[in-house]
Amino acid sequence: MLCLTNTSSVVLPENEPAAKVWNSGGANYDRISRQIADAIEHCVDRLNPQAGENVLDVATGTGWTARRIAARGANVTGVDICSTALETARSIDNSRQINFQVGDAEALQFDDATFDAIASTFGVMFCGAPERAASELARVCKPGGR
């Protein structure tokens, strides 16, 4: 799997400093996810992913939400500006059902209307420009998606 250490091609220049900060934590974020496992499960329950759907998990971190969605049969793309957290996510689960990749919530590298559903448990709220991230989430979600 591709693991980018230079994220400049997919992370907006103004978000590079944040990416460096998040990268300093890397695998430690998996411990944080254990503390919020109930909230992650609640998010996945509310999303109600279906087998065969294409779901985007934005700010996936070490992939907890992505793995819970994939366990329900959906195909998941997990994006995060933190390449070190993604390395941990891949080491935990490198299945074909989950595609982890470096990406910026404010400039997603996907075509319009790509995903049936989008999740972000505790990530988009940290964006420097949340309105731009919200616009991107709406853009890549299929009409009638969730």
N, C-alpha and C. Protein backbone atom coordinates (compact mmCIF):
# COMPACT_ATOMS: atom_id res chain seq x y z
N MET A 1 0.83 -1.18 0.00
CA MET A 1 0.00 0.00 0.00
C MET A 1 0.88 1.25 0.00
N LEU A 2 0.38 2.29 -0.60
CA LEU A 2 1.06 3.57 -0.67
C LEU A 2 1.08 4.24 0.70
N CYS A 3 2.21 4.71 1.10
CA CYS A 3 2.33 5.46 2.35
C CYS A 3 3.11 6.72 2.06
N LEU A 4 2.46 7.84 2.09
CA LEU A 4 3.10 9.11 1.79
C LEU A 4 3.70 9.72 3.04
N THR A 5 4.96 10.11 2.95
CA THR A 5 5.55 10.89 4.04
C THR A 5 5.56 12.36 3.66
N ASN A 6 5.66 12.67 2.38
CA ASN A 6 5.52 14.04 1.91
C ASN A 6 4.09 14.18 1.43
N THR A 7 3.29 14.88 2.19
CA THR A 7 1.86 14.97 1.90
C THR A 7 1.49 16.18 1.06
N SER A 8 2.48 16.93 0.58
CA SER A 8 2.20 18.21 -0.06
C SER A 8 1.31 18.10 -1.29
N SER A 9 1.26 16.96 -1.94
CA SER A 9 0.43 16.84 -3.13
C SER A 9 -1.05 16.65 -2.80
N VAL A 10 -1.38 16.26 -1.58
CA VAL A 10 -2.77 16.02 -1.23
C VAL A 10 -3.26 16.82 -0.03
N VAL A 11 -2.36 17.50 0.64
CA VAL A 11 -2.73 18.34 1.78
C VAL A 11 -2.50 19.79 1.38
N LEU A 12 -3.51 20.62 1.61
CA LEU A 12 -3.39 22.04 1.28
C LEU A 12 -2.19 22.65 2.01
N PRO A 13 -1.48 23.56 1.35
CA PRO A 13 -0.29 24.16 1.99
C PRO A 13 -0.58 24.75 3.37
N GLU A 14 -1.74 25.38 3.53
CA GLU A 14 -2.06 25.98 4.83
C GLU A 14 -2.34 24.93 5.91
N ASN A 15 -2.53 23.67 5.50
CA ASN A 15 -2.78 22.61 6.47
C ASN A 15 -1.54 21.75 6.75
N GLU A 16 -0.43 22.04 6.07
CA GLU A 16 0.81 21.30 6.31
C GLU A 16 1.28 21.41 7.77
N PRO A 17 1.23 22.60 8.41
CA PRO A 17 1.64 22.65 9.82
C PRO A 17 0.79 21.74 10.71
N ALA A 18 -0.51 21.70 10.47
CA ALA A 18 -1.38 20.81 11.25
C ALA A 18 -1.02 19.36 10.99
N ALA A 19 -0.73 19.01 9.74
CA ALA A 19 -0.35 17.64 9.41
C ALA A 19 0.90 17.24 10.18
N LYS A 20 1.86 18.15 10.30
CA LYS A 20 3.09 17.85 11.04
C LYS A 20 2.79 17.61 12.52
N VAL A 21 1.91 18.41 13.09
CA VAL A 21 1.53 18.22 14.50
C VAL A 21 0.85 16.87 14.68
N TRP A 22 -0.14 16.57 13.84
CA TRP A 22 -0.84 15.29 13.96
C TRP A 22 0.12 14.13 13.75
N ASN A 23 1.07 14.26 12.83
CA ASN A 23 2.03 13.19 12.58
C ASN A 23 2.92 12.91 13.78
N SER A 24 3.09 13.87 14.65
CA SER A 24 3.94 13.66 15.82
C SER A 24 3.32 12.65 16.79
N GLY A 25 2.01 12.44 16.72
CA GLY A 25 1.34 11.50 17.62
C GLY A 25 1.26 10.10 17.07
N GLY A 26 1.05 9.99 15.76
CA GLY A 26 1.03 8.70 15.07
C GLY A 26 0.24 7.61 15.74
N ALA A 27 0.93 6.53 16.09
CA ALA A 27 0.28 5.34 16.65
C ALA A 27 -0.40 5.61 17.99
N ASN A 28 0.01 6.66 18.69
CA ASN A 28 -0.61 6.98 19.98
C ASN A 28 -2.10 7.28 19.84
N TYR A 29 -2.52 7.71 18.66
CA TYR A 29 -3.93 8.01 18.47
C TYR A 29 -4.81 6.77 18.60
N ASP A 30 -4.22 5.60 18.43
CA ASP A 30 -5.01 4.39 18.59
C ASP A 30 -5.47 4.24 20.03
N ARG A 31 -4.66 4.64 20.98
CA ARG A 31 -5.06 4.59 22.40
C ARG A 31 -6.21 5.55 22.67
N ILE A 32 -6.17 6.71 22.04
CA ILE A 32 -7.26 7.67 22.20
C ILE A 32 -8.55 7.08 21.66
N SER A 33 -8.47 6.42 20.52
CA SER A 33 -9.67 5.82 19.92
C SER A 33 -10.30 4.79 20.83
N ARG A 34 -9.49 4.07 21.58
CA ARG A 34 -10.04 3.11 22.54
C ARG A 34 -10.92 3.81 23.56
N GLN A 35 -10.56 5.03 23.92
CA GLN A 35 -11.32 5.78 24.92
C GLN A 35 -12.65 6.29 24.37
N ILE A 36 -12.75 6.41 23.06
CA ILE A 36 -13.98 6.92 22.45
C ILE A 36 -14.70 5.85 21.63
N ALA A 37 -14.40 4.59 21.92
CA ALA A 37 -14.98 3.48 21.16
C ALA A 37 -16.50 3.50 21.16
N ASP A 38 -17.12 3.87 22.27
CA ASP A 38 -18.59 3.92 22.33
C ASP A 38 -19.13 4.97 21.36
N ALA A 39 -18.47 6.12 21.30
CA ALA A 39 -18.91 7.17 20.38
C ALA A 39 -18.73 6.74 18.93
N ILE A 40 -17.64 6.04 18.66
CA ILE A 40 -17.41 5.54 17.30
C ILE A 40 -18.51 4.56 16.92
N GLU A 41 -18.83 3.64 17.81
CA GLU A 41 -19.88 2.66 17.53
C GLU A 41 -21.22 3.35 17.32
N HIS A 42 -21.51 4.37 18.11
CA HIS A 42 -22.75 5.12 17.95
C HIS A 42 -22.80 5.78 16.57
N CYS A 43 -21.70 6.38 16.16
CA CYS A 43 -21.63 7.00 14.83
C CYS A 43 -21.91 5.98 13.73
N VAL A 44 -21.29 4.82 13.84
CA VAL A 44 -21.47 3.78 12.83
C VAL A 44 -22.91 3.27 12.84
N ASP A 45 -23.49 3.10 14.02
CA ASP A 45 -24.89 2.69 14.11
C ASP A 45 -25.80 3.69 13.41
N ARG A 46 -25.57 4.98 13.66
CA ARG A 46 -26.40 6.03 13.04
C ARG A 46 -26.19 6.08 11.53
N LEU A 47 -24.97 5.83 11.08
CA LEU A 47 -24.69 5.82 9.65
C LEU A 47 -25.37 4.65 8.96
N ASN A 48 -25.43 3.52 9.67
CA ASN A 48 -26.07 2.30 9.17
C ASN A 48 -25.53 1.88 7.80
N PRO A 49 -24.21 1.64 7.70
CA PRO A 49 -23.63 1.25 6.42
C PRO A 49 -24.16 -0.11 5.96
N GLN A 50 -24.36 -0.23 4.67
CA GLN A 50 -24.88 -1.46 4.09
C GLN A 50 -23.80 -2.17 3.29
N ALA A 51 -23.92 -3.48 3.20
CA ALA A 51 -22.96 -4.26 2.42
C ALA A 51 -22.90 -3.74 0.99
N GLY A 52 -21.69 -3.59 0.49
CA GLY A 52 -21.49 -3.15 -0.88
C GLY A 52 -21.46 -1.64 -1.08
N GLU A 53 -21.87 -0.88 -0.08
CA GLU A 53 -21.82 0.58 -0.21
C GLU A 53 -20.37 1.05 -0.18
N ASN A 54 -20.14 2.20 -0.80
CA ASN A 54 -18.84 2.86 -0.74
C ASN A 54 -18.93 3.99 0.27
N VAL A 55 -18.14 3.89 1.33
CA VAL A 55 -18.21 4.84 2.44
C VAL A 55 -16.85 5.51 2.63
N LEU A 56 -16.88 6.81 2.84
CA LEU A 56 -15.68 7.59 3.12
C LEU A 56 -15.62 7.88 4.62
N ASP A 57 -14.49 7.58 5.24
CA ASP A 57 -14.24 7.93 6.63
C ASP A 57 -13.19 9.03 6.64
N VAL A 58 -13.62 10.25 6.94
CA VAL A 58 -12.74 11.42 6.91
C VAL A 58 -12.10 11.62 8.27
N ALA A 59 -10.79 11.87 8.26
CA ALA A 59 -9.99 11.97 9.48
C ALA A 59 -10.02 10.62 10.20
N THR A 60 -9.74 9.58 9.46
CA THR A 60 -9.84 8.21 9.94
C THR A 60 -8.84 7.87 11.04
N GLY A 61 -7.74 8.62 11.14
CA GLY A 61 -6.75 8.33 12.16
C GLY A 61 -6.21 6.92 12.01
N THR A 62 -6.30 6.13 13.07
CA THR A 62 -5.81 4.76 13.02
C THR A 62 -6.87 3.77 12.53
N GLY A 63 -7.98 4.29 12.03
CA GLY A 63 -8.93 3.46 11.31
C GLY A 63 -10.03 2.79 12.11
N TRP A 64 -10.26 3.18 13.35
CA TRP A 64 -11.30 2.52 14.14
C TRP A 64 -12.66 2.58 13.47
N THR A 65 -13.07 3.76 13.06
CA THR A 65 -14.39 3.90 12.43
C THR A 65 -14.42 3.14 11.12
N ALA A 66 -13.37 3.24 10.34
CA ALA A 66 -13.30 2.53 9.06
C ALA A 66 -13.46 1.03 9.25
N ARG A 67 -12.79 0.48 10.26
CA ARG A 67 -12.90 -0.96 10.51
C ARG A 67 -14.31 -1.36 10.94
N ARG A 68 -14.95 -0.53 11.75
CA ARG A 68 -16.32 -0.84 12.19
C ARG A 68 -17.28 -0.79 11.01
N ILE A 69 -17.08 0.15 10.10
CA ILE A 69 -17.93 0.24 8.91
C ILE A 69 -17.68 -0.96 8.00
N ALA A 70 -16.43 -1.30 7.79
CA ALA A 70 -16.08 -2.44 6.93
C ALA A 70 -16.64 -3.75 7.50
N ALA A 71 -16.70 -3.86 8.82
CA ALA A 71 -17.24 -5.06 9.45
C ALA A 71 -18.70 -5.29 9.08
N ARG A 72 -19.35 -4.24 8.64
CA ARG A 72 -20.76 -4.35 8.23
C ARG A 72 -20.89 -4.58 6.73
N GLY A 73 -19.77 -4.78 6.06
CA GLY A 73 -19.81 -5.17 4.65
C GLY A 73 -19.60 -4.05 3.65
N ALA A 74 -19.41 -2.83 4.11
CA ALA A 74 -19.19 -1.72 3.18
C ALA A 74 -17.73 -1.68 2.74
N ASN A 75 -17.50 -1.07 1.59
CA ASN A 75 -16.15 -0.79 1.10
C ASN A 75 -15.79 0.60 1.61
N VAL A 76 -14.66 0.73 2.29
CA VAL A 76 -14.34 1.96 2.99
C VAL A 76 -13.06 2.58 2.45
N THR A 77 -13.10 3.89 2.28
CA THR A 77 -11.90 4.67 2.02
C THR A 77 -11.70 5.55 3.25
N GLY A 78 -10.57 5.40 3.89
CA GLY A 78 -10.25 6.21 5.06
C GLY A 78 -9.17 7.21 4.72
N VAL A 79 -9.45 8.50 4.90
CA VAL A 79 -8.47 9.54 4.61
C VAL A 79 -8.10 10.30 5.88
N ASP A 80 -6.85 10.74 5.92
CA ASP A 80 -6.37 11.51 7.05
C ASP A 80 -5.13 12.29 6.60
N ILE A 81 -4.89 13.44 7.22
CA ILE A 81 -3.66 14.19 6.90
C ILE A 81 -2.46 13.61 7.64
N CYS A 82 -2.71 12.70 8.55
CA CYS A 82 -1.66 12.12 9.39
C CYS A 82 -1.18 10.78 8.83
N SER A 83 -0.07 10.82 8.10
CA SER A 83 0.44 9.60 7.47
C SER A 83 0.89 8.57 8.50
N THR A 84 1.38 9.01 9.66
CA THR A 84 1.84 8.04 10.66
C THR A 84 0.67 7.28 11.28
N ALA A 85 -0.46 7.94 11.47
CA ALA A 85 -1.65 7.24 11.96
C ALA A 85 -2.14 6.24 10.92
N LEU A 86 -2.04 6.62 9.65
CA LEU A 86 -2.46 5.71 8.58
C LEU A 86 -1.55 4.48 8.51
N GLU A 87 -0.27 4.66 8.79
CA GLU A 87 0.63 3.50 8.84
C GLU A 87 0.14 2.52 9.91
N THR A 88 -0.27 3.04 11.05
CA THR A 88 -0.81 2.19 12.11
C THR A 88 -2.11 1.54 11.65
N ALA A 89 -2.98 2.31 11.01
CA ALA A 89 -4.24 1.75 10.51
C ALA A 89 -3.98 0.59 9.57
N ARG A 90 -3.03 0.75 8.66
CA ARG A 90 -2.70 -0.32 7.71
C ARG A 90 -2.12 -1.54 8.42
N SER A 91 -1.33 -1.30 9.45
CA SER A 91 -0.73 -2.44 10.16
C SER A 91 -1.78 -3.24 10.93
N ILE A 92 -2.84 -2.57 11.34
CA ILE A 92 -3.93 -3.25 12.05
C ILE A 92 -4.81 -4.00 11.07
N ASP A 93 -5.10 -3.39 9.92
CA ASP A 93 -6.00 -4.00 8.93
C ASP A 93 -5.62 -3.52 7.55
N ASN A 94 -5.01 -4.40 6.77
CA ASN A 94 -4.67 -4.03 5.39
C ASN A 94 -5.54 -4.80 4.40
N SER A 95 -6.80 -5.00 4.77
CA SER A 95 -7.73 -5.72 3.91
C SER A 95 -8.04 -4.93 2.65
N ARG A 96 -8.50 -5.62 1.67
CA ARG A 96 -8.90 -4.96 0.42
C ARG A 96 -10.17 -4.14 0.60
N GLN A 97 -10.88 -4.39 1.67
CA GLN A 97 -12.15 -3.70 1.92
C GLN A 97 -11.94 -2.27 2.43
N ILE A 98 -10.74 -1.97 2.91
CA ILE A 98 -10.43 -0.63 3.40
C ILE A 98 -9.22 -0.09 2.66
N ASN A 99 -9.37 1.09 2.09
CA ASN A 99 -8.28 1.77 1.39
C ASN A 99 -7.92 3.01 2.20
N PHE A 100 -6.79 2.95 2.90
CA PHE A 100 -6.33 4.09 3.68
C PHE A 100 -5.43 4.96 2.83
N GLN A 101 -5.66 6.26 2.85
CA GLN A 101 -4.82 7.17 2.08
C GLN A 101 -4.74 8.55 2.70
N VAL A 102 -3.60 9.19 2.46
CA VAL A 102 -3.42 10.56 2.93
C VAL A 102 -4.38 11.45 2.15
N GLY A 103 -5.06 12.32 2.86
CA GLY A 103 -5.99 13.23 2.22
C GLY A 103 -6.38 14.36 3.16
N ASP A 104 -6.81 15.44 2.58
CA ASP A 104 -7.18 16.65 3.31
C ASP A 104 -8.69 16.84 3.19
N ALA A 105 -9.38 16.90 4.31
CA ALA A 105 -10.84 17.06 4.31
C ALA A 105 -11.28 18.32 3.58
N GLU A 106 -10.39 19.29 3.49
CA GLU A 106 -10.72 20.55 2.83
C GLU A 106 -10.44 20.53 1.34
N ALA A 107 -9.86 19.46 0.84
CA ALA A 107 -9.55 19.33 -0.60
C ALA A 107 -9.48 17.85 -0.96
N LEU A 108 -10.62 17.18 -0.89
CA LEU A 108 -10.67 15.74 -1.14
C LEU A 108 -10.36 15.42 -2.60
N GLN A 109 -9.58 14.38 -2.82
CA GLN A 109 -9.13 14.00 -4.16
C GLN A 109 -10.06 12.95 -4.78
N PHE A 110 -11.36 13.19 -4.73
CA PHE A 110 -12.33 12.26 -5.27
C PHE A 110 -13.28 13.00 -6.20
N ASP A 111 -13.84 12.27 -7.15
CA ASP A 111 -14.83 12.85 -8.04
C ASP A 111 -16.10 13.19 -7.27
N ASP A 112 -16.89 14.07 -7.83
CA ASP A 112 -18.19 14.39 -7.26
C ASP A 112 -19.02 13.12 -7.15
N ALA A 113 -19.86 13.04 -6.14
CA ALA A 113 -20.84 11.96 -5.96
C ALA A 113 -20.20 10.57 -6.00
N THR A 114 -19.08 10.40 -5.31
CA THR A 114 -18.37 9.13 -5.29
C THR A 114 -18.89 8.17 -4.22
N PHE A 115 -19.33 8.70 -3.08
CA PHE A 115 -19.62 7.85 -1.92
C PHE A 115 -21.10 7.82 -1.56
N ASP A 116 -21.54 6.63 -1.11
CA ASP A 116 -22.92 6.46 -0.64
C ASP A 116 -23.12 7.11 0.72
N ALA A 117 -22.06 7.13 1.52
CA ALA A 117 -22.15 7.69 2.87
C ALA A 117 -20.78 8.19 3.29
N ILE A 118 -20.79 9.11 4.25
CA ILE A 118 -19.55 9.69 4.76
C ILE A 118 -19.62 9.74 6.28
N ALA A 119 -18.53 9.35 6.92
CA ALA A 119 -18.42 9.41 8.38
C ALA A 119 -17.21 10.25 8.77
N SER A 120 -17.32 10.89 9.91
CA SER A 120 -16.18 11.55 10.55
C SER A 120 -16.53 11.67 12.02
N THR A 121 -15.95 10.81 12.83
CA THR A 121 -16.33 10.81 14.24
C THR A 121 -15.76 12.01 14.99
N PHE A 122 -14.46 12.17 15.01
CA PHE A 122 -13.83 13.28 15.74
C PHE A 122 -12.68 13.81 14.90
N GLY A 123 -12.97 14.33 13.74
CA GLY A 123 -11.88 14.80 12.90
C GLY A 123 -12.15 16.10 12.20
N VAL A 124 -13.25 16.17 11.49
CA VAL A 124 -13.56 17.37 10.71
C VAL A 124 -13.65 18.59 11.62
N MET A 125 -14.02 18.38 12.86
CA MET A 125 -14.15 19.52 13.78
C MET A 125 -12.82 20.21 14.03
N PHE A 126 -11.71 19.56 13.69
CA PHE A 126 -10.40 20.16 13.86
C PHE A 126 -9.90 20.88 12.61
N CYS A 127 -10.67 20.88 11.56
CA CYS A 127 -10.25 21.54 10.32
C CYS A 127 -10.11 23.04 10.53
N GLY A 128 -9.14 23.62 9.85
CA GLY A 128 -8.95 25.06 9.91
C GLY A 128 -10.07 25.82 9.25
N ALA A 129 -10.67 25.22 8.22
CA ALA A 129 -11.79 25.84 7.50
C ALA A 129 -12.93 24.82 7.44
N PRO A 130 -13.69 24.66 8.54
CA PRO A 130 -14.74 23.64 8.58
C PRO A 130 -15.80 23.82 7.50
N GLU A 131 -16.07 25.05 7.10
CA GLU A 131 -17.05 25.26 6.04
C GLU A 131 -16.56 24.69 4.70
N ARG A 132 -15.25 24.78 4.46
CA ARG A 132 -14.68 24.20 3.23
C ARG A 132 -14.75 22.68 3.31
N ALA A 133 -14.47 22.11 4.48
CA ALA A 133 -14.57 20.67 4.66
C ALA A 133 -16.00 20.20 4.45
N ALA A 134 -16.96 20.91 5.02
CA ALA A 134 -18.37 20.54 4.85
C ALA A 134 -18.77 20.56 3.38
N SER A 135 -18.29 21.55 2.66
CA SER A 135 -18.58 21.64 1.23
C SER A 135 -17.99 20.45 0.48
N GLU A 136 -16.79 20.05 0.86
CA GLU A 136 -16.15 18.90 0.22
C GLU A 136 -16.90 17.60 0.52
N LEU A 137 -17.35 17.44 1.77
CA LEU A 137 -18.10 16.24 2.12
C LEU A 137 -19.38 16.16 1.30
N ALA A 138 -20.07 17.28 1.16
CA ALA A 138 -21.30 17.31 0.36
C ALA A 138 -21.00 17.02 -1.10
N ARG A 139 -19.90 17.52 -1.60
CA ARG A 139 -19.54 17.33 -3.01
C ARG A 139 -19.29 15.86 -3.35
N VAL A 140 -18.58 15.14 -2.48
CA VAL A 140 -18.21 13.76 -2.81
C VAL A 140 -19.29 12.75 -2.43
N CYS A 141 -20.33 13.19 -1.73
CA CYS A 141 -21.43 12.30 -1.36
C CYS A 141 -22.46 12.26 -2.49
N LYS A 142 -22.93 11.06 -2.79
CA LYS A 142 -23.95 10.91 -3.83
C LYS A 142 -25.24 11.61 -3.43
N PRO A 143 -26.00 12.09 -4.40
CA PRO A 143 -27.32 12.66 -4.08
C PRO A 143 -28.14 11.62 -3.30
N GLY A 144 -28.74 12.04 -2.23
CA GLY A 144 -29.51 11.12 -1.39
C GLY A 144 -28.65 10.32 -0.43
N GLY A 145 -27.33 10.55 -0.47
CA GLY A 145 -26.42 9.84 0.43
C GLY A 145 -26.53 10.38 1.84
N ARG A 146 -25.72 9.83 2.69
CA ARG A 146 -25.76 10.26 4.09
C ARG A 146 -24.35 10.36 4.66
